[in-house]
Amino acid sequence: MNTPTAPASTLRPFYRSRLVRRLRPGQAYAVAVPETPLLTGAPRVVDWSDAYAVSFPVRPPGDAQEWADAIFHRPPLWVAALFGAREALVRLVGIDPGGGHAFDTIAWHPDEVLVGIDQSHLGFRASVLLEHRRVVLTTVVHVHNRRGRAYSAVVRRVHPVVVRTMLSRAARRMG
């Protein structure tokens, strides 16, 4: 049975208005994971990844290290509280605490900084990449064992909100 369908051109405005939100200046949004020199092969196996960006009308202010510091070393209070709770709870299930070294710079390129840590349950890298008119924060994770899979399953639920919040806050501070 053939059912009549509306031409695609008549459907676009409806979908566009329902699916695409207008971004406020400095608001983080999801993007495709970029291929960068520092992320290539770090880690060799990627179990999951994501990337978020903030846009600017001109080149973003500052350098990649300043952005990494603004993102990871000055989180909002509620994110800092989540990190603190994570440090306390992971010890109960035998996962290594991250401590103050989870977001240490491990590699540097003029337009990109790579932070991360390798632990017994998983390893992660976060890239802060300055592009022509945006800053992209990418996370790549390699899970090592069952504890890592369980931990990752929980983290993946809150990770997008935490990352977008931290990146948007850094954009407001840096911009």
N, C-alpha and C. Protein backbone atom coordinates (compact mmCIF):
# COMPACT_ATOMS: atom_id res chain seq x y z
N MET A 1 0.85 -1.17 0.00
CA MET A 1 0.00 0.00 0.00
C MET A 1 0.89 1.24 0.00
N ASN A 2 0.68 2.10 -0.96
CA ASN A 2 1.46 3.33 -1.03
C ASN A 2 0.80 4.41 -0.20
N THR A 3 1.60 5.03 0.63
CA THR A 3 1.08 6.15 1.41
C THR A 3 1.72 7.41 0.89
N PRO A 4 0.94 8.45 0.69
CA PRO A 4 1.51 9.69 0.18
C PRO A 4 2.48 10.28 1.21
N THR A 5 3.55 10.83 0.72
CA THR A 5 4.53 11.49 1.58
C THR A 5 4.74 12.90 1.08
N ALA A 6 5.06 13.75 1.98
CA ALA A 6 5.33 15.13 1.62
C ALA A 6 6.72 15.23 1.03
N PRO A 7 6.93 16.13 0.09
CA PRO A 7 8.28 16.31 -0.45
C PRO A 7 9.24 16.70 0.68
N ALA A 8 10.49 16.28 0.54
CA ALA A 8 11.50 16.55 1.57
C ALA A 8 11.61 18.04 1.87
N SER A 9 11.44 18.87 0.84
CA SER A 9 11.58 20.31 1.05
C SER A 9 10.54 20.85 2.03
N THR A 10 9.36 20.24 2.07
CA THR A 10 8.34 20.72 3.01
C THR A 10 8.58 20.19 4.41
N LEU A 11 9.36 19.12 4.56
CA LEU A 11 9.63 18.56 5.87
C LEU A 11 10.80 19.24 6.57
N ARG A 12 11.72 19.79 5.82
CA ARG A 12 12.94 20.36 6.41
C ARG A 12 12.68 21.42 7.47
N PRO A 13 11.84 22.41 7.22
CA PRO A 13 11.66 23.44 8.26
C PRO A 13 11.17 22.85 9.58
N PHE A 14 10.26 21.87 9.51
CA PHE A 14 9.76 21.24 10.72
C PHE A 14 10.90 20.58 11.47
N TYR A 15 11.70 19.75 10.79
CA TYR A 15 12.79 19.04 11.45
C TYR A 15 13.85 20.01 11.96
N ARG A 16 14.13 20.99 11.16
CA ARG A 16 15.15 21.95 11.58
C ARG A 16 14.73 22.66 12.86
N SER A 17 13.48 23.06 12.95
CA SER A 17 13.04 23.78 14.13
C SER A 17 12.98 22.87 15.36
N ARG A 18 12.77 21.56 15.16
CA ARG A 18 12.63 20.64 16.27
C ARG A 18 13.97 20.07 16.73
N LEU A 19 14.93 19.93 15.83
CA LEU A 19 16.15 19.23 16.16
C LEU A 19 17.37 20.12 16.38
N VAL A 20 17.35 21.28 15.81
CA VAL A 20 18.53 22.14 15.92
C VAL A 20 18.22 23.31 16.85
N ARG A 21 19.00 23.39 17.92
CA ARG A 21 18.82 24.50 18.84
C ARG A 21 19.82 25.60 18.51
N ARG A 22 19.45 26.79 18.78
CA ARG A 22 20.40 27.89 18.60
C ARG A 22 21.38 27.85 19.77
N LEU A 23 22.64 28.04 19.44
CA LEU A 23 23.69 28.01 20.46
C LEU A 23 23.94 29.41 20.98
N ARG A 24 24.08 29.50 22.27
CA ARG A 24 24.51 30.75 22.87
C ARG A 24 26.01 30.88 22.67
N PRO A 25 26.54 32.10 22.64
CA PRO A 25 27.99 32.25 22.52
C PRO A 25 28.69 31.51 23.66
N GLY A 26 29.71 30.73 23.31
CA GLY A 26 30.46 29.99 24.31
C GLY A 26 29.82 28.68 24.73
N GLN A 27 28.70 28.29 24.11
CA GLN A 27 28.03 27.04 24.46
C GLN A 27 28.69 25.89 23.70
N ALA A 28 29.02 24.82 24.43
CA ALA A 28 29.66 23.65 23.83
C ALA A 28 28.62 22.81 23.09
N TYR A 29 29.06 22.21 22.00
CA TYR A 29 28.21 21.36 21.18
C TYR A 29 29.02 20.16 20.69
N ALA A 30 28.34 19.05 20.42
CA ALA A 30 29.01 17.83 19.97
C ALA A 30 29.53 17.99 18.55
N VAL A 31 30.71 17.43 18.29
CA VAL A 31 31.32 17.43 16.97
C VAL A 31 31.92 16.05 16.72
N ALA A 32 32.32 15.81 15.49
CA ALA A 32 33.01 14.56 15.16
C ALA A 32 34.39 14.58 15.81
N VAL A 33 34.86 13.42 16.21
CA VAL A 33 36.18 13.31 16.82
C VAL A 33 37.22 13.63 15.75
N PRO A 34 38.04 14.67 15.97
CA PRO A 34 39.04 15.02 14.97
C PRO A 34 40.25 14.09 15.00
N GLU A 35 40.91 13.97 13.87
CA GLU A 35 42.18 13.25 13.82
C GLU A 35 43.27 14.28 14.02
N THR A 36 44.03 14.12 15.10
CA THR A 36 45.08 15.08 15.41
C THR A 36 46.40 14.34 15.60
N PRO A 37 47.51 15.04 15.48
CA PRO A 37 48.81 14.39 15.66
C PRO A 37 48.98 13.75 17.03
N LEU A 38 48.50 14.39 18.07
CA LEU A 38 48.70 13.85 19.42
C LEU A 38 47.73 12.73 19.77
N LEU A 39 46.54 12.74 19.20
CA LEU A 39 45.57 11.68 19.50
C LEU A 39 45.84 10.40 18.73
N THR A 40 46.53 10.50 17.61
CA THR A 40 46.81 9.32 16.80
C THR A 40 47.64 8.33 17.61
N GLY A 41 47.07 7.17 17.86
CA GLY A 41 47.78 6.13 18.59
C GLY A 41 47.83 6.31 20.09
N ALA A 42 47.09 7.25 20.62
CA ALA A 42 47.11 7.47 22.07
C ALA A 42 45.69 7.46 22.60
N PRO A 43 45.19 6.37 23.06
CA PRO A 43 45.75 5.02 23.16
C PRO A 43 45.64 4.27 21.84
N ARG A 44 46.32 3.10 21.76
CA ARG A 44 46.30 2.31 20.51
C ARG A 44 44.91 1.77 20.24
N VAL A 45 44.19 1.38 21.29
CA VAL A 45 42.83 0.85 21.17
C VAL A 45 41.88 1.86 21.81
N VAL A 46 40.82 2.20 21.11
CA VAL A 46 39.82 3.14 21.63
C VAL A 46 38.49 2.41 21.76
N ASP A 47 38.00 2.33 23.00
CA ASP A 47 36.71 1.70 23.25
C ASP A 47 35.56 2.68 23.09
N TRP A 48 35.78 3.92 23.43
CA TRP A 48 34.78 4.95 23.17
C TRP A 48 35.47 6.31 23.14
N SER A 49 34.83 7.23 22.44
CA SER A 49 35.38 8.58 22.32
C SER A 49 34.24 9.55 22.07
N ASP A 50 34.51 10.82 22.35
CA ASP A 50 33.57 11.87 22.03
C ASP A 50 34.34 13.17 21.90
N ALA A 51 33.68 14.16 21.32
CA ALA A 51 34.31 15.47 21.14
C ALA A 51 33.25 16.55 21.21
N TYR A 52 33.63 17.67 21.81
CA TYR A 52 32.76 18.84 21.94
C TYR A 52 33.58 20.07 21.59
N ALA A 53 32.91 21.10 21.09
CA ALA A 53 33.60 22.31 20.68
C ALA A 53 32.84 23.55 21.13
N VAL A 54 33.58 24.64 21.21
CA VAL A 54 32.99 25.97 21.37
C VAL A 54 33.54 26.81 20.22
N SER A 55 32.68 27.63 19.63
CA SER A 55 33.08 28.44 18.48
C SER A 55 33.29 29.89 18.87
N PHE A 56 34.09 30.55 18.06
CA PHE A 56 34.39 31.96 18.23
C PHE A 56 34.31 32.65 16.88
N PRO A 57 34.03 33.96 16.86
CA PRO A 57 33.98 34.66 15.57
C PRO A 57 35.37 34.81 14.94
N VAL A 58 36.41 34.77 15.76
CA VAL A 58 37.80 34.84 15.29
C VAL A 58 38.58 33.74 16.02
N ARG A 59 39.87 33.68 15.79
CA ARG A 59 40.70 32.67 16.46
C ARG A 59 40.50 32.76 17.98
N PRO A 60 40.36 31.60 18.65
CA PRO A 60 40.18 31.62 20.11
C PRO A 60 41.36 32.29 20.80
N PRO A 61 41.09 33.02 21.87
CA PRO A 61 42.17 33.67 22.61
C PRO A 61 43.02 32.64 23.35
N GLY A 62 44.27 32.99 23.62
CA GLY A 62 45.14 32.13 24.41
C GLY A 62 45.75 31.01 23.60
N ASP A 63 46.48 30.15 24.31
CA ASP A 63 47.09 28.99 23.66
C ASP A 63 46.47 27.71 24.21
N ALA A 64 46.85 26.58 23.66
CA ALA A 64 46.22 25.30 24.03
C ALA A 64 46.44 24.97 25.50
N GLN A 65 47.61 25.27 26.05
CA GLN A 65 47.87 24.96 27.46
C GLN A 65 47.01 25.82 28.38
N GLU A 66 46.81 27.09 28.03
CA GLU A 66 45.93 27.95 28.83
C GLU A 66 44.49 27.40 28.82
N TRP A 67 44.06 26.91 27.67
CA TRP A 67 42.73 26.32 27.58
C TRP A 67 42.63 25.05 28.41
N ALA A 68 43.64 24.19 28.33
CA ALA A 68 43.63 22.95 29.12
C ALA A 68 43.56 23.27 30.61
N ASP A 69 44.35 24.26 31.05
CA ASP A 69 44.31 24.65 32.45
C ASP A 69 42.94 25.20 32.84
N ALA A 70 42.36 26.02 31.97
CA ALA A 70 41.04 26.60 32.27
C ALA A 70 39.96 25.52 32.32
N ILE A 71 40.08 24.50 31.49
CA ILE A 71 39.08 23.44 31.46
C ILE A 71 39.23 22.51 32.66
N PHE A 72 40.45 22.00 32.88
CA PHE A 72 40.64 20.92 33.84
C PHE A 72 41.04 21.35 35.25
N HIS A 73 41.62 22.51 35.39
CA HIS A 73 42.11 22.90 36.72
C HIS A 73 41.24 23.93 37.41
N ARG A 74 40.15 24.34 36.78
CA ARG A 74 39.19 25.26 37.40
C ARG A 74 37.77 24.83 37.09
N PRO A 75 37.38 23.60 37.50
CA PRO A 75 36.02 23.15 37.18
C PRO A 75 34.99 23.84 38.05
N PRO A 76 33.72 23.83 37.62
CA PRO A 76 32.65 24.35 38.48
C PRO A 76 32.60 23.55 39.78
N LEU A 77 32.03 24.14 40.82
CA LEU A 77 31.99 23.48 42.13
C LEU A 77 31.30 22.12 42.08
N TRP A 78 30.20 22.00 41.35
CA TRP A 78 29.51 20.72 41.32
C TRP A 78 30.33 19.65 40.62
N VAL A 79 31.15 20.04 39.63
CA VAL A 79 32.02 19.08 38.95
C VAL A 79 33.16 18.69 39.90
N ALA A 80 33.72 19.65 40.61
CA ALA A 80 34.76 19.35 41.59
C ALA A 80 34.21 18.40 42.66
N ALA A 81 32.97 18.59 43.06
CA ALA A 81 32.34 17.70 44.04
C ALA A 81 32.19 16.29 43.47
N LEU A 82 31.81 16.18 42.19
CA LEU A 82 31.72 14.86 41.55
C LEU A 82 33.09 14.17 41.51
N PHE A 83 34.13 14.93 41.17
CA PHE A 83 35.48 14.36 41.16
C PHE A 83 35.88 13.90 42.55
N GLY A 84 35.53 14.67 43.57
CA GLY A 84 35.83 14.28 44.96
C GLY A 84 35.09 13.02 45.36
N ALA A 85 33.82 12.93 44.98
CA ALA A 85 33.04 11.73 45.29
C ALA A 85 33.62 10.53 44.54
N ARG A 86 34.05 10.74 43.32
CA ARG A 86 34.67 9.67 42.53
C ARG A 86 35.91 9.15 43.25
N GLU A 87 36.75 10.05 43.75
CA GLU A 87 37.98 9.65 44.43
C GLU A 87 37.67 8.78 45.65
N ALA A 88 36.62 9.11 46.38
CA ALA A 88 36.26 8.34 47.57
C ALA A 88 35.63 6.99 47.20
N LEU A 89 34.74 6.99 46.20
CA LEU A 89 34.00 5.78 45.87
C LEU A 89 34.84 4.73 45.15
N VAL A 90 35.76 5.14 44.30
CA VAL A 90 36.51 4.14 43.53
C VAL A 90 37.39 3.27 44.42
N ARG A 91 37.85 3.82 45.51
CA ARG A 91 38.67 3.03 46.43
C ARG A 91 37.87 1.85 47.00
N LEU A 92 36.57 2.04 47.17
CA LEU A 92 35.72 0.98 47.73
C LEU A 92 35.58 -0.23 46.79
N VAL A 93 35.73 -0.01 45.49
CA VAL A 93 35.57 -1.09 44.53
C VAL A 93 36.90 -1.52 43.89
N GLY A 94 37.99 -1.03 44.43
CA GLY A 94 39.31 -1.47 43.96
C GLY A 94 39.81 -0.80 42.70
N ILE A 95 39.34 0.40 42.42
CA ILE A 95 39.83 1.16 41.26
C ILE A 95 40.81 2.20 41.75
N ASP A 96 41.88 2.39 40.99
CA ASP A 96 42.90 3.37 41.35
C ASP A 96 42.31 4.78 41.41
N PRO A 97 42.62 5.53 42.46
CA PRO A 97 42.20 6.94 42.48
C PRO A 97 43.02 7.73 41.45
N GLY A 98 42.42 8.74 40.89
CA GLY A 98 43.11 9.55 39.88
C GLY A 98 44.06 10.55 40.51
N GLY A 99 43.67 11.04 41.68
CA GLY A 99 44.50 12.05 42.33
C GLY A 99 44.61 13.31 41.50
N GLY A 100 45.62 14.09 41.79
CA GLY A 100 45.82 15.34 41.08
C GLY A 100 46.51 15.19 39.75
N HIS A 101 46.84 13.95 39.36
CA HIS A 101 47.61 13.75 38.13
C HIS A 101 46.78 13.30 36.94
N ALA A 102 45.48 13.13 37.12
CA ALA A 102 44.64 12.64 36.02
C ALA A 102 44.62 13.60 34.84
N PHE A 103 44.78 14.89 35.09
CA PHE A 103 44.71 15.87 34.02
C PHE A 103 46.05 16.57 33.79
N ASP A 104 47.14 15.88 34.08
CA ASP A 104 48.46 16.43 33.79
C ASP A 104 48.72 16.40 32.29
N THR A 105 49.43 17.40 31.80
CA THR A 105 49.81 17.44 30.39
C THR A 105 50.84 16.36 30.13
N ILE A 106 50.57 15.53 29.11
CA ILE A 106 51.51 14.46 28.78
C ILE A 106 52.14 14.65 27.40
N ALA A 107 51.55 15.51 26.58
CA ALA A 107 52.13 15.83 25.27
C ALA A 107 51.66 17.22 24.87
N TRP A 108 52.49 17.87 24.06
CA TRP A 108 52.19 19.25 23.69
C TRP A 108 52.54 19.46 22.22
N HIS A 109 51.72 20.24 21.56
CA HIS A 109 51.92 20.67 20.19
C HIS A 109 51.45 22.13 20.19
N PRO A 110 51.95 22.99 19.31
CA PRO A 110 51.55 24.41 19.39
C PRO A 110 50.04 24.66 19.47
N ASP A 111 49.24 23.85 18.78
CA ASP A 111 47.80 24.08 18.81
C ASP A 111 47.03 22.98 19.54
N GLU A 112 47.73 22.10 20.27
CA GLU A 112 47.05 21.00 20.94
C GLU A 112 47.81 20.58 22.19
N VAL A 113 47.04 20.27 23.22
CA VAL A 113 47.60 19.72 24.46
C VAL A 113 46.88 18.41 24.73
N LEU A 114 47.65 17.41 25.17
CA LEU A 114 47.09 16.11 25.50
C LEU A 114 47.29 15.86 26.98
N VAL A 115 46.18 15.56 27.67
CA VAL A 115 46.24 15.21 29.09
C VAL A 115 45.69 13.80 29.23
N GLY A 116 45.99 13.17 30.36
CA GLY A 116 45.44 11.85 30.57
C GLY A 116 46.23 11.05 31.57
N ILE A 117 45.78 9.81 31.75
CA ILE A 117 46.41 8.92 32.72
C ILE A 117 46.10 7.48 32.32
N ASP A 118 47.02 6.58 32.63
CA ASP A 118 46.79 5.15 32.47
C ASP A 118 46.67 4.55 33.85
N GLN A 119 45.57 3.84 34.08
CA GLN A 119 45.33 3.18 35.35
C GLN A 119 45.03 1.71 35.09
N SER A 120 44.91 0.92 36.15
CA SER A 120 44.69 -0.51 35.96
C SER A 120 43.35 -0.82 35.31
N HIS A 121 42.33 0.02 35.51
CA HIS A 121 41.01 -0.26 34.96
C HIS A 121 40.79 0.33 33.57
N LEU A 122 41.39 1.48 33.30
CA LEU A 122 41.29 2.10 31.99
C LEU A 122 42.36 3.17 31.81
N GLY A 123 42.52 3.58 30.58
CA GLY A 123 43.38 4.71 30.26
C GLY A 123 42.57 5.69 29.44
N PHE A 124 42.82 6.97 29.63
CA PHE A 124 42.11 7.96 28.83
C PHE A 124 43.06 9.07 28.42
N ARG A 125 42.71 9.70 27.34
CA ARG A 125 43.40 10.90 26.87
C ARG A 125 42.35 11.93 26.53
N ALA A 126 42.64 13.17 26.84
CA ALA A 126 41.78 14.28 26.45
C ALA A 126 42.64 15.27 25.69
N SER A 127 42.20 15.63 24.53
CA SER A 127 42.92 16.57 23.67
C SER A 127 42.20 17.90 23.69
N VAL A 128 42.95 18.97 23.87
CA VAL A 128 42.42 20.32 23.74
C VAL A 128 43.07 20.89 22.48
N LEU A 129 42.27 21.07 21.44
CA LEU A 129 42.76 21.47 20.13
C LEU A 129 42.23 22.85 19.77
N LEU A 130 43.13 23.76 19.44
CA LEU A 130 42.73 25.08 18.96
C LEU A 130 42.71 25.05 17.44
N GLU A 131 41.55 25.33 16.89
CA GLU A 131 41.40 25.41 15.44
C GLU A 131 41.18 26.87 15.06
N HIS A 132 40.89 27.11 13.79
CA HIS A 132 40.77 28.48 13.29
C HIS A 132 39.74 29.30 14.07
N ARG A 133 38.56 28.76 14.31
CA ARG A 133 37.51 29.52 14.99
C ARG A 133 36.83 28.74 16.10
N ARG A 134 37.50 27.70 16.61
CA ARG A 134 36.88 26.95 17.69
C ARG A 134 37.95 26.21 18.49
N VAL A 135 37.50 25.78 19.69
CA VAL A 135 38.31 24.93 20.55
C VAL A 135 37.57 23.61 20.67
N VAL A 136 38.29 22.51 20.43
CA VAL A 136 37.68 21.18 20.46
C VAL A 136 38.30 20.38 21.60
N LEU A 137 37.44 19.83 22.44
CA LEU A 137 37.86 18.96 23.55
C LEU A 137 37.42 17.54 23.21
N THR A 138 38.40 16.66 23.00
CA THR A 138 38.14 15.28 22.62
C THR A 138 38.59 14.35 23.73
N THR A 139 37.79 13.34 24.01
CA THR A 139 38.14 12.31 24.99
C THR A 139 38.17 10.97 24.28
N VAL A 140 39.25 10.20 24.51
CA VAL A 140 39.34 8.83 24.01
C VAL A 140 39.66 7.93 25.20
N VAL A 141 39.00 6.78 25.25
CA VAL A 141 39.12 5.88 26.40
C VAL A 141 39.40 4.47 25.92
N HIS A 142 40.34 3.82 26.61
CA HIS A 142 40.60 2.40 26.41
C HIS A 142 40.35 1.70 27.74
N VAL A 143 39.40 0.76 27.73
CA VAL A 143 39.02 0.02 28.93
C VAL A 143 39.88 -1.24 29.01
N HIS A 144 40.43 -1.52 30.22
CA HIS A 144 41.36 -2.64 30.38
C HIS A 144 40.72 -3.91 30.93
N ASN A 145 39.64 -3.82 31.71
CA ASN A 145 39.10 -5.00 32.39
C ASN A 145 37.64 -4.79 32.78
N ARG A 146 37.09 -5.76 33.54
CA ARG A 146 35.68 -5.67 33.96
C ARG A 146 35.42 -4.45 34.82
N ARG A 147 36.32 -4.15 35.72
CA ARG A 147 36.11 -2.95 36.55
C ARG A 147 36.07 -1.70 35.67
N GLY A 148 36.93 -1.67 34.70
CA GLY A 148 36.94 -0.54 33.77
C GLY A 148 35.66 -0.44 32.97
N ARG A 149 35.12 -1.58 32.54
CA ARG A 149 33.84 -1.56 31.81
C ARG A 149 32.71 -1.06 32.69
N ALA A 150 32.67 -1.52 33.94
CA ALA A 150 31.62 -1.08 34.86
C ALA A 150 31.77 0.42 35.15
N TYR A 151 32.99 0.84 35.43
CA TYR A 151 33.27 2.26 35.70
C TYR A 151 32.89 3.10 34.49
N SER A 152 33.30 2.66 33.32
CA SER A 152 33.03 3.39 32.09
C SER A 152 31.54 3.51 31.82
N ALA A 153 30.78 2.46 32.12
CA ALA A 153 29.32 2.49 31.91
C ALA A 153 28.67 3.59 32.74
N VAL A 154 29.18 3.81 33.94
CA VAL A 154 28.64 4.87 34.80
C VAL A 154 29.10 6.24 34.30
N VAL A 155 30.38 6.35 34.03
CA VAL A 155 30.97 7.64 33.62
C VAL A 155 30.37 8.14 32.31
N ARG A 156 30.12 7.25 31.37
CA ARG A 156 29.60 7.67 30.07
C ARG A 156 28.25 8.35 30.16
N ARG A 157 27.51 8.09 31.23
CA ARG A 157 26.20 8.73 31.40
C ARG A 157 26.33 10.20 31.79
N VAL A 158 27.31 10.53 32.61
CA VAL A 158 27.47 11.91 33.07
C VAL A 158 28.54 12.67 32.30
N HIS A 159 29.39 11.95 31.59
CA HIS A 159 30.53 12.57 30.90
C HIS A 159 30.13 13.70 29.95
N PRO A 160 29.13 13.53 29.07
CA PRO A 160 28.79 14.63 28.17
C PRO A 160 28.40 15.91 28.89
N VAL A 161 27.63 15.81 29.95
CA VAL A 161 27.20 17.00 30.69
C VAL A 161 28.41 17.66 31.36
N VAL A 162 29.26 16.85 31.97
CA VAL A 162 30.44 17.40 32.65
C VAL A 162 31.37 18.08 31.65
N VAL A 163 31.65 17.43 30.53
CA VAL A 163 32.58 17.99 29.55
C VAL A 163 32.03 19.27 28.94
N ARG A 164 30.75 19.25 28.54
CA ARG A 164 30.17 20.47 27.96
C ARG A 164 30.18 21.61 28.96
N THR A 165 29.90 21.32 30.22
CA THR A 165 29.92 22.36 31.25
C THR A 165 31.32 22.92 31.44
N MET A 166 32.30 22.04 31.54
CA MET A 166 33.68 22.50 31.76
C MET A 166 34.19 23.31 30.56
N LEU A 167 33.88 22.86 29.35
CA LEU A 167 34.33 23.58 28.15
C LEU A 167 33.63 24.92 28.02
N SER A 168 32.33 24.96 28.25
CA SER A 168 31.58 26.22 28.17
C SER A 168 32.08 27.22 29.22
N ARG A 169 32.35 26.72 30.41
CA ARG A 169 32.85 27.61 31.46
C ARG A 169 34.22 28.16 31.09
N ALA A 170 35.09 27.31 30.56
CA ALA A 170 36.41 27.78 30.12
C ALA A 170 36.28 28.83 29.02
N ALA A 171 35.33 28.63 28.11
CA ALA A 171 35.11 29.60 27.02
C ALA A 171 34.69 30.95 27.57
N ARG A 172 33.84 30.96 28.57
CA ARG A 172 33.43 32.23 29.18
C ARG A 172 34.61 32.90 29.87
N ARG A 173 35.44 32.12 30.52
CA ARG A 173 36.60 32.69 31.22
C ARG A 173 37.68 33.17 30.27
N MET A 174 37.91 32.39 29.23
CA MET A 174 38.98 32.74 28.28
C MET A 174 38.54 33.82 27.31
N GLY A 175 37.23 33.83 26.97
CA GLY A 175 36.73 34.79 25.98
C GLY A 175 36.56 36.14 26.57
